[in-house]
C-alpha atoms as a PDB file:
ATOM      1  CA  MET A   1       0.000   0.000   0.000  1.00  0.00           C
ATOM      2  CA  ASN A   2       1.262   3.466  -0.875  1.00  0.00           C
ATOM      3  CA  THR A   3       0.751   5.287   2.405  1.00  0.00           C
ATOM      4  CA  SER A   4       1.449   8.708   0.878  1.00  0.00           C
ATOM      5  CA  GLU A   5      -2.042   8.557  -0.652  1.00  0.00           C
ATOM      6  CA  LEU A   6      -3.801   8.047   2.688  1.00  0.00           C
ATOM      7  CA  GLY A   7      -5.763  10.763   4.475  1.00  0.00           C
ATOM      8  CA  TRP A   8      -3.341  11.716   7.265  1.00  0.00           C
ATOM      9  CA  PHE A   9      -4.390  13.874  10.201  1.00  0.00           C
ATOM     10  CA  LYS A  10      -2.627  15.245  13.278  1.00  0.00           C
ATOM     11  CA  SER A  11      -3.594  14.912  16.888  1.00  0.00           C
ATOM     12  CA  SER A  12      -5.704  17.678  18.361  1.00  0.00           C
ATOM     13  CA  TYR A  13      -2.938  17.945  20.981  1.00  0.00           C
ATOM     14  CA  SER A  14      -0.350  18.975  18.364  1.00  0.00           C
ATOM     15  CA  SER A  15       1.205  22.369  18.887  1.00  0.00           C
ATOM     16  CA  ALA A  16       0.504  25.323  16.595  1.00  0.00           C
ATOM     17  CA  GLN A  17       4.170  25.383  15.544  1.00  0.00           C
ATOM     18  CA  GLY A  18       3.776  21.991  13.878  1.00  0.00           C
ATOM     19  CA  ASP A  19       6.501  20.282  15.874  1.00  0.00           C
ATOM     20  CA  ASP A  20       6.242  17.136  17.976  1.00  0.00           C
ATOM     21  CA  CYS A  21       3.319  15.833  15.943  1.00  0.00           C
ATOM     22  CA  VAL A  22       2.089  12.339  15.365  1.00  0.00           C
ATOM     23  CA  GLU A  23      -0.108  11.773  12.344  1.00  0.00           C
ATOM     24  CA  VAL A  24      -2.460   8.860  11.780  1.00  0.00           C
ATOM     25  CA  ALA A  25      -4.309   7.478   8.804  1.00  0.00           C
ATOM     26  CA  VAL A  26      -7.152   5.025   9.400  1.00  0.00           C
ATOM     27  CA  THR A  27      -7.933   2.255   6.933  1.00  0.00           C
ATOM     28  CA  GLU A  28     -10.372  -0.616   7.084  1.00  0.00           C
ATOM     29  CA  ARG A  29      -8.011  -2.941   8.949  1.00  0.00           C
ATOM     30  CA  VAL A  30      -5.193  -0.884  10.432  1.00  0.00           C
ATOM     31  CA  VAL A  31      -4.182   2.521  11.722  1.00  0.00           C
ATOM     32  CA  HIS A  32      -0.979   3.888  10.203  1.00  0.00           C
ATOM     33  CA  VAL A  33       1.153   6.128  12.434  1.00  0.00           C
ATOM     34  CA  ARG A  34       4.001   8.455  11.421  1.00  0.00           C
ATOM     35  CA  ASP A  35       6.129  11.345  12.637  1.00  0.00           C
ATOM     36  CA  SER A  36       4.986  14.503  10.843  1.00  0.00           C
ATOM     37  CA  LYS A  37       8.560  15.836  10.806  1.00  0.00           C
ATOM     38  CA  ASP A  38       9.804  12.783   8.881  1.00  0.00           C
ATOM     39  CA  VAL A  39       7.082  11.760   6.430  1.00  0.00           C
ATOM     40  CA  ALA A  40       9.663  10.060   4.174  1.00  0.00           C
ATOM     41  CA  ARG A  41      10.217   7.440   6.859  1.00  0.00           C
ATOM     42  CA  ARG A  42       7.940   4.450   6.538  1.00  0.00           C
ATOM     43  CA  PRO A  43       5.036   4.656   9.018  1.00  0.00           C
ATOM     44  CA  PHE A  44       4.130   1.728  11.205  1.00  0.00           C
ATOM     45  CA  ALA A  45       0.753   0.040  11.236  1.00  0.00           C
ATOM     46  CA  VAL A  46      -1.308  -1.157  14.184  1.00  0.00           C
ATOM     47  CA  GLU A  47      -4.444  -3.261  14.006  1.00  0.00           C
ATOM     48  CA  ARG A  48      -7.489  -1.147  14.804  1.00  0.00           C
ATOM     49  CA  GLU A  49      -8.287  -3.070  17.990  1.00  0.00           C
ATOM     50  CA  GLY A  50      -4.763  -2.470  19.296  1.00  0.00           C
ATOM     51  CA  TRP A  51      -5.022   1.232  18.448  1.00  0.00           C
ATOM     52  CA  VAL A  52      -8.307   1.537  20.343  1.00  0.00           C
ATOM     53  CA  ARG A  53      -6.706  -0.063  23.404  1.00  0.00           C
ATOM     54  CA  PHE A  54      -3.677   2.238  23.164  1.00  0.00           C
ATOM     55  CA  VAL A  55      -5.809   5.382  22.886  1.00  0.00           C
ATOM     56  CA  GLY A  56      -7.957   4.247  25.809  1.00  0.00           C
ATOM     57  CA  PHE A  57      -4.845   3.656  27.910  1.00  0.00           C
ATOM     58  CA  ALA A  58      -3.369   7.048  26.969  1.00  0.00           C
ATOM     59  CA  ALA A  59      -6.644   8.841  27.704  1.00  0.00           C
ATOM     60  CA  ALA A  60      -6.814   7.244  31.148  1.00  0.00           C
ATOM     61  CA  ARG A  61      -3.339   8.660  31.900  1.00  0.00           C
ATOM     62  CA  ASP A  62      -4.246  12.215  30.860  1.00  0.00           C
END
């Protein structure tokens, strides 16, 4: 899959300066994650269920 064609979006917690950002792109089976400062680097993919658990864990820590 060519991930450059995916609809990437940044976290609502990203700063206005555009630094320290994580971007995600959601597909039918997986969530792709990348560093917005290094979009040439290959993103990693997480199954959607794993992503939901990670976000739930992170939200509980906030």
